[in-house]
């Protein structure tokens, strides 16, 4: 073999013929061992999806349904003229009363404000006008801390019936 400068010699396969055949035997044995390990591993079963039962709803089911709620005869709601007043502002609480969607005139209203320091019932008891409206003037006078919500409950008296409104609310800033 001729020496080349700086380049390693090319190995000759015929120089070690037993090593080449041993490598092949090791590769075959290693492959056989790999197949044996894979064959002895756990078996994997696939869960089959079971079909769902068919549901049939009979016509008698509809007779068991809860009936729809009835709309109340009288309805009313209250709201504040300013939902974020200053602590010493004066605001107006507006209220509307209806009976079967029509405005109710002549009903007497009362209002109670729920401040942190206690409840205050407003002195005036206005009577609803032709539009079913009343209003209460409410001077806040710093009675509610800033950032603390306040509610105002309003109710009407009409013909021996008391109607409670959804409350008004405001939060002093």
C-alpha atoms as a PDB file:
ATOM      1  CA  UNK A   1       0.000   0.000   0.000  1.00  0.00           C
ATOM      2  CA  UNK A   2       1.291   3.387  -0.919  1.00  0.00           C
ATOM      3  CA  UNK A   3       1.418   6.147   1.719  1.00  0.00           C
ATOM      4  CA  UNK A   4      -0.201   9.435   0.882  1.00  0.00           C
ATOM      5  CA  UNK A   5       0.851  12.436   2.790  1.00  0.00           C
ATOM      6  CA  UNK A   6      -1.701  13.751   5.359  1.00  0.00           C
ATOM      7  CA  UNK A   7      -4.461  11.312   4.348  1.00  0.00           C
ATOM      8  CA  UNK A   8      -5.078   8.248   6.473  1.00  0.00           C
ATOM      9  CA  UNK A   9      -4.865   4.900   4.739  1.00  0.00           C
ATOM     10  CA  UNK A  10      -8.039   3.301   3.341  1.00  0.00           C
ATOM     11  CA  UNK A  11      -8.887   0.197   5.412  1.00  0.00           C
ATOM     12  CA  UNK A  12      -8.803  -3.035   3.575  1.00  0.00           C
ATOM     13  CA  UNK A  13     -11.836  -5.223   4.139  1.00  0.00           C
ATOM     14  CA  UNK A  14     -10.031  -8.360   3.176  1.00  0.00           C
ATOM     15  CA  UNK A  15      -7.482  -7.762   5.911  1.00  0.00           C
ATOM     16  CA  UNK A  16      -9.986  -8.844   8.654  1.00  0.00           C
ATOM     17  CA  UNK A  17     -12.570 -11.136   7.011  1.00  0.00           C
ATOM     18  CA  UNK A  18     -13.675 -12.737  10.321  1.00  0.00           C
ATOM     19  CA  UNK A  19     -14.591  -9.323  11.832  1.00  0.00           C
ATOM     20  CA  UNK A  20     -16.928  -8.514   8.951  1.00  0.00           C
ATOM     21  CA  UNK A  21     -18.835 -11.782   9.278  1.00  0.00           C
ATOM     22  CA  UNK A  22     -19.030 -11.364  13.096  1.00  0.00           C
ATOM     23  CA  UNK A  23     -20.648  -7.956  12.623  1.00  0.00           C
ATOM     24  CA  UNK A  24     -23.264  -9.497  10.384  1.00  0.00           C
ATOM     25  CA  UNK A  25     -23.998 -12.234  12.912  1.00  0.00           C
ATOM     26  CA  UNK A  26     -24.341  -9.650  15.727  1.00  0.00           C
ATOM     27  CA  UNK A  27     -26.709  -7.579  13.606  1.00  0.00           C
ATOM     28  CA  UNK A  28     -28.879 -10.617  12.835  1.00  0.00           C
ATOM     29  CA  UNK A  29     -28.939 -11.636  16.524  1.00  0.00           C
ATOM     30  CA  UNK A  30     -29.741  -8.090  17.610  1.00  0.00           C
ATOM     31  CA  UNK A  31     -32.605  -7.911  15.119  1.00  0.00           C
ATOM     32  CA  UNK A  32     -33.960 -11.286  16.299  1.00  0.00           C
ATOM     33  CA  UNK A  33     -33.766 -10.120  19.931  1.00  0.00           C
ATOM     34  CA  UNK A  34     -35.633  -6.946  19.003  1.00  0.00           C
ATOM     35  CA  UNK A  35     -38.409  -8.968  17.357  1.00  0.00           C
ATOM     36  CA  UNK A  36     -38.595 -11.279  20.398  1.00  0.00           C
ATOM     37  CA  UNK A  37     -38.932  -8.321  22.820  1.00  0.00           C
ATOM     38  CA  UNK A  38     -41.592  -6.707  20.655  1.00  0.00           C
ATOM     39  CA  UNK A  39     -43.522  -9.985  20.412  1.00  0.00           C
ATOM     40  CA  UNK A  40     -43.458 -10.497  24.196  1.00  0.00           C
ATOM     41  CA  UNK A  41     -44.680  -6.957  24.972  1.00  0.00           C
ATOM     42  CA  UNK A  42     -48.177  -6.205  26.208  1.00  0.00           C
ATOM     43  CA  UNK A  43     -51.063  -6.578  23.830  1.00  0.00           C
ATOM     44  CA  UNK A  44     -52.999  -3.427  23.057  1.00  0.00           C
ATOM     45  CA  UNK A  45     -56.744  -3.646  22.775  1.00  0.00           C
ATOM     46  CA  UNK A  46     -58.774  -0.895  21.185  1.00  0.00           C
ATOM     47  CA  UNK A  47     -61.977   0.045  22.976  1.00  0.00           C
ATOM     48  CA  UNK A  48     -64.831  -0.092  20.580  1.00  0.00           C
ATOM     49  CA  UNK A  49     -67.407   2.704  20.766  1.00  0.00           C
ATOM     50  CA  UNK A  50     -70.750   1.318  21.804  1.00  0.00           C
ATOM     51  CA  UNK A  51     -73.763   2.681  19.941  1.00  0.00           C
ATOM     52  CA  UNK A  52     -76.009   5.031  21.930  1.00  0.00           C
ATOM     53  CA  UNK A  53     -79.530   4.030  22.727  1.00  0.00           C
ATOM     54  CA  UNK A  54     -82.164   5.781  20.602  1.00  0.00           C
ATOM     55  CA  UNK A  55     -84.422   8.068  22.619  1.00  0.00           C
ATOM     56  CA  UNK A  56     -88.007   8.574  21.589  1.00  0.00           C
ATOM     57  CA  UNK A  57     -90.076  11.383  23.081  1.00  0.00           C
ATOM     58  CA  UNK A  58     -93.755  10.635  23.239  1.00  0.00           C
ATOM     59  CA  UNK A  59     -96.514  13.235  22.761  1.00  0.00           C
ATOM     60  CA  UNK A  60     -97.590  12.757  26.377  1.00  0.00           C
ATOM     61  CA  UNK A  61     -94.316  14.401  27.410  1.00  0.00           C
ATOM     62  CA  UNK A  62     -95.668  17.807  26.417  1.00  0.00           C
ATOM     63  CA  UNK A  63     -98.520  17.545  28.909  1.00  0.00           C
ATOM     64  CA  UNK A  64     -95.967  17.203  31.727  1.00  0.00           C
ATOM     65  CA  UNK A  65     -94.247  20.531  30.934  1.00  0.00           C
ATOM     66  CA  UNK A  66     -94.497  23.383  33.389  1.00  0.00           C
ATOM     67  CA  UNK A  67     -96.810  26.123  32.107  1.00  0.00           C
ATOM     68  CA  UNK A  68     -95.379  29.524  31.262  1.00  0.00           C
ATOM     69  CA  UNK A  69     -95.340  32.100  34.035  1.00  0.00           C
ATOM     70  CA  UNK A  70     -98.126  34.634  33.915  1.00  0.00           C
ATOM     71  CA  UNK A  71     -97.354  38.313  33.537  1.00  0.00           C
ATOM     72  CA  UNK A  72     -98.274  40.183  36.722  1.00  0.00           C
ATOM     73  CA  UNK A  73    -101.205  42.599  36.428  1.00  0.00           C
ATOM     74  CA  UNK A  74     -99.271  45.497  37.992  1.00  0.00           C
ATOM     75  CA  UNK A  75     -95.653  46.239  37.175  1.00  0.00           C
ATOM     76  CA  UNK A  76     -93.424  49.091  38.204  1.00  0.00           C
ATOM     77  CA  UNK A  77     -89.804  50.084  38.186  1.00  0.00           C
ATOM     78  CA  UNK A  78     -87.685  52.804  39.750  1.00  0.00           C
ATOM     79  CA  UNK A  79     -84.456  54.439  38.604  1.00  0.00           C
ATOM     80  CA  UNK A  80     -82.165  57.252  39.692  1.00  0.00           C
ATOM     81  CA  UNK A  81     -81.633  60.390  37.601  1.00  0.00           C
ATOM     82  CA  UNK A  82     -77.884  59.920  38.179  1.00  0.00           C
ATOM     83  CA  UNK A  83     -76.377  56.502  38.969  1.00  0.00           C
ATOM     84  CA  UNK A  84     -73.004  58.005  39.931  1.00  0.00           C
ATOM     85  CA  UNK A  85     -73.692  61.260  41.804  1.00  0.00           C
ATOM     86  CA  UNK A  86     -71.301  63.163  44.041  1.00  0.00           C
ATOM     87  CA  UNK A  87     -71.770  62.452  47.752  1.00  0.00           C
ATOM     88  CA  UNK A  88     -73.533  65.803  48.362  1.00  0.00           C
ATOM     89  CA  UNK A  89     -75.642  65.982  45.160  1.00  0.00           C
ATOM     90  CA  UNK A  90     -79.419  66.006  45.016  1.00  0.00           C
ATOM     91  CA  UNK A  91     -80.862  63.352  42.699  1.00  0.00           C
ATOM     92  CA  UNK A  92     -84.357  62.412  41.574  1.00  0.00           C
ATOM     93  CA  UNK A  93     -85.802  58.916  41.896  1.00  0.00           C
ATOM     94  CA  UNK A  94     -88.210  58.269  39.025  1.00  0.00           C
ATOM     95  CA  UNK A  95     -90.905  55.559  39.235  1.00  0.00           C
ATOM     96  CA  UNK A  96     -93.482  54.259  36.741  1.00  0.00           C
ATOM     97  CA  UNK A  97     -96.533  52.072  37.481  1.00  0.00           C
ATOM     98  CA  UNK A  98     -98.515  50.106  34.871  1.00  0.00           C
ATOM     99  CA  UNK A  99    -101.499  47.771  34.924  1.00  0.00           C
ATOM    100  CA  UNK A 100    -101.758  45.444  31.931  1.00  0.00           C
ATOM    101  CA  UNK A 101     -99.300  47.687  30.054  1.00  0.00           C
ATOM    102  CA  UNK A 102    -101.431  50.818  30.645  1.00  0.00           C
ATOM    103  CA  UNK A 103    -100.205  53.648  32.893  1.00  0.00           C
ATOM    104  CA  UNK A 104    -101.927  53.894  36.270  1.00  0.00           C
ATOM    105  CA  UNK A 105    -102.944  57.333  37.597  1.00  0.00           C
ATOM    106  CA  UNK A 106    -103.897  58.108  41.199  1.00  0.00           C
ATOM    107  CA  UNK A 107    -101.709  55.542  43.035  1.00  0.00           C
ATOM    108  CA  UNK A 108     -99.852  56.707  46.161  1.00  0.00           C
ATOM    109  CA  UNK A 109     -96.128  55.942  46.313  1.00  0.00           C
ATOM    110  CA  UNK A 110     -93.723  55.574  49.240  1.00  0.00           C
ATOM    111  CA  UNK A 111     -89.925  55.283  49.057  1.00  0.00           C
ATOM    112  CA  UNK A 112     -87.229  54.036  51.461  1.00  0.00           C
ATOM    113  CA  UNK A 113     -83.534  54.699  50.877  1.00  0.00           C
ATOM    114  CA  UNK A 114     -81.070  52.143  52.277  1.00  0.00           C
ATOM    115  CA  UNK A 115     -77.977  54.099  53.377  1.00  0.00           C
ATOM    116  CA  UNK A 116     -75.064  52.424  55.169  1.00  0.00           C
ATOM    117  CA  UNK A 117     -75.997  54.203  58.426  1.00  0.00           C
ATOM    118  CA  UNK A 118     -79.664  53.143  58.277  1.00  0.00           C
ATOM    119  CA  UNK A 119     -82.860  53.337  56.264  1.00  0.00           C
ATOM    120  CA  UNK A 120     -84.549  56.658  55.512  1.00  0.00           C
ATOM    121  CA  UNK A 121     -88.209  56.779  54.463  1.00  0.00           C
ATOM    122  CA  UNK A 122     -88.798  59.817  52.260  1.00  0.00           C
ATOM    123  CA  UNK A 123     -91.379  62.291  53.596  1.00  0.00           C
ATOM    124  CA  UNK A 124     -93.279  62.870  50.385  1.00  0.00           C
ATOM    125  CA  UNK A 125     -95.941  60.444  49.202  1.00  0.00           C
ATOM    126  CA  UNK A 126     -96.665  61.534  45.638  1.00  0.00           C
ATOM    127  CA  UNK A 127     -99.595  60.329  43.586  1.00  0.00           C
ATOM    128  CA  UNK A 128     -98.979  58.941  40.096  1.00  0.00           C
ATOM    129  CA  UNK A 129     -99.887  61.182  37.159  1.00  0.00           C
ATOM    130  CA  UNK A 130    -101.687  60.204  33.903  1.00  0.00           C
ATOM    131  CA  UNK A 131     -98.442  58.592  32.667  1.00  0.00           C
ATOM    132  CA  UNK A 132     -98.185  56.442  35.840  1.00  0.00           C
ATOM    133  CA  UNK A 133     -95.116  58.439  36.937  1.00  0.00           C
ATOM    134  CA  UNK A 134     -93.986  59.797  40.291  1.00  0.00           C
ATOM    135  CA  UNK A 135     -90.694  61.328  41.383  1.00  0.00           C
ATOM    136  CA  UNK A 136     -88.893  61.745  44.687  1.00  0.00           C
ATOM    137  CA  UNK A 137     -86.256  64.424  45.296  1.00  0.00           C
ATOM    138  CA  UNK A 138     -83.379  62.934  47.295  1.00  0.00           C
ATOM    139  CA  UNK A 139     -80.664  65.175  48.774  1.00  0.00           C
ATOM    140  CA  UNK A 140     -77.753  62.810  49.519  1.00  0.00           C
ATOM    141  CA  UNK A 141     -76.082  65.106  52.109  1.00  0.00           C
ATOM    142  CA  UNK A 142     -73.008  62.840  52.287  1.00  0.00           C
ATOM    143  CA  UNK A 143     -74.996  60.059  54.011  1.00  0.00           C
ATOM    144  CA  UNK A 144     -73.475  57.303  51.874  1.00  0.00           C
ATOM    145  CA  UNK A 145     -69.697  56.662  51.591  1.00  0.00           C
ATOM    146  CA  UNK A 146     -68.176  57.089  48.144  1.00  0.00           C
ATOM    147  CA  UNK A 147     -68.122  53.890  46.091  1.00  0.00           C
ATOM    148  CA  UNK A 148     -70.757  52.109  48.200  1.00  0.00           C
ATOM    149  CA  UNK A 149     -73.963  51.244  46.262  1.00  0.00           C
ATOM    150  CA  UNK A 150     -77.302  52.442  47.596  1.00  0.00           C
ATOM    151  CA  UNK A 151     -80.769  51.108  46.779  1.00  0.00           C
ATOM    152  CA  UNK A 152     -84.168  52.794  46.964  1.00  0.00           C
ATOM    153  CA  UNK A 153     -87.270  50.631  47.480  1.00  0.00           C
ATOM    154  CA  UNK A 154     -90.540  52.071  46.165  1.00  0.00           C
ATOM    155  CA  UNK A 155     -94.071  50.732  46.506  1.00  0.00           C
ATOM    156  CA  UNK A 156     -97.501  51.908  45.400  1.00  0.00           C
ATOM    157  CA  UNK A 157    -100.868  51.591  47.150  1.00  0.00           C
ATOM    158  CA  UNK A 158    -103.863  51.394  44.874  1.00  0.00           C
ATOM    159  CA  UNK A 159    -107.340  50.161  45.804  1.00  0.00           C
ATOM    160  CA  UNK A 160    -106.111  48.141  48.800  1.00  0.00           C
ATOM    161  CA  UNK A 161    -103.313  46.539  46.765  1.00  0.00           C
ATOM    162  CA  UNK A 162     -99.618  47.162  47.447  1.00  0.00           C
ATOM    163  CA  UNK A 163     -97.318  46.900  44.435  1.00  0.00           C
ATOM    164  CA  UNK A 164     -93.553  46.634  45.087  1.00  0.00           C
ATOM    165  CA  UNK A 165     -91.308  48.033  42.370  1.00  0.00           C
ATOM    166  CA  UNK A 166     -87.889  46.938  41.206  1.00  0.00           C
ATOM    167  CA  UNK A 167     -85.489  49.153  43.192  1.00  0.00           C
ATOM    168  CA  UNK A 168     -83.568  52.183  42.022  1.00  0.00           C
ATOM    169  CA  UNK A 169     -79.843  52.267  42.728  1.00  0.00           C
ATOM    170  CA  UNK A 170     -76.909  54.663  42.700  1.00  0.00           C
ATOM    171  CA  UNK A 171     -73.310  54.738  43.876  1.00  0.00           C
ATOM    172  CA  UNK A 172     -71.884  58.027  45.182  1.00  0.00           C
ATOM    173  CA  UNK A 173     -68.529  59.001  43.665  1.00  0.00           C
END
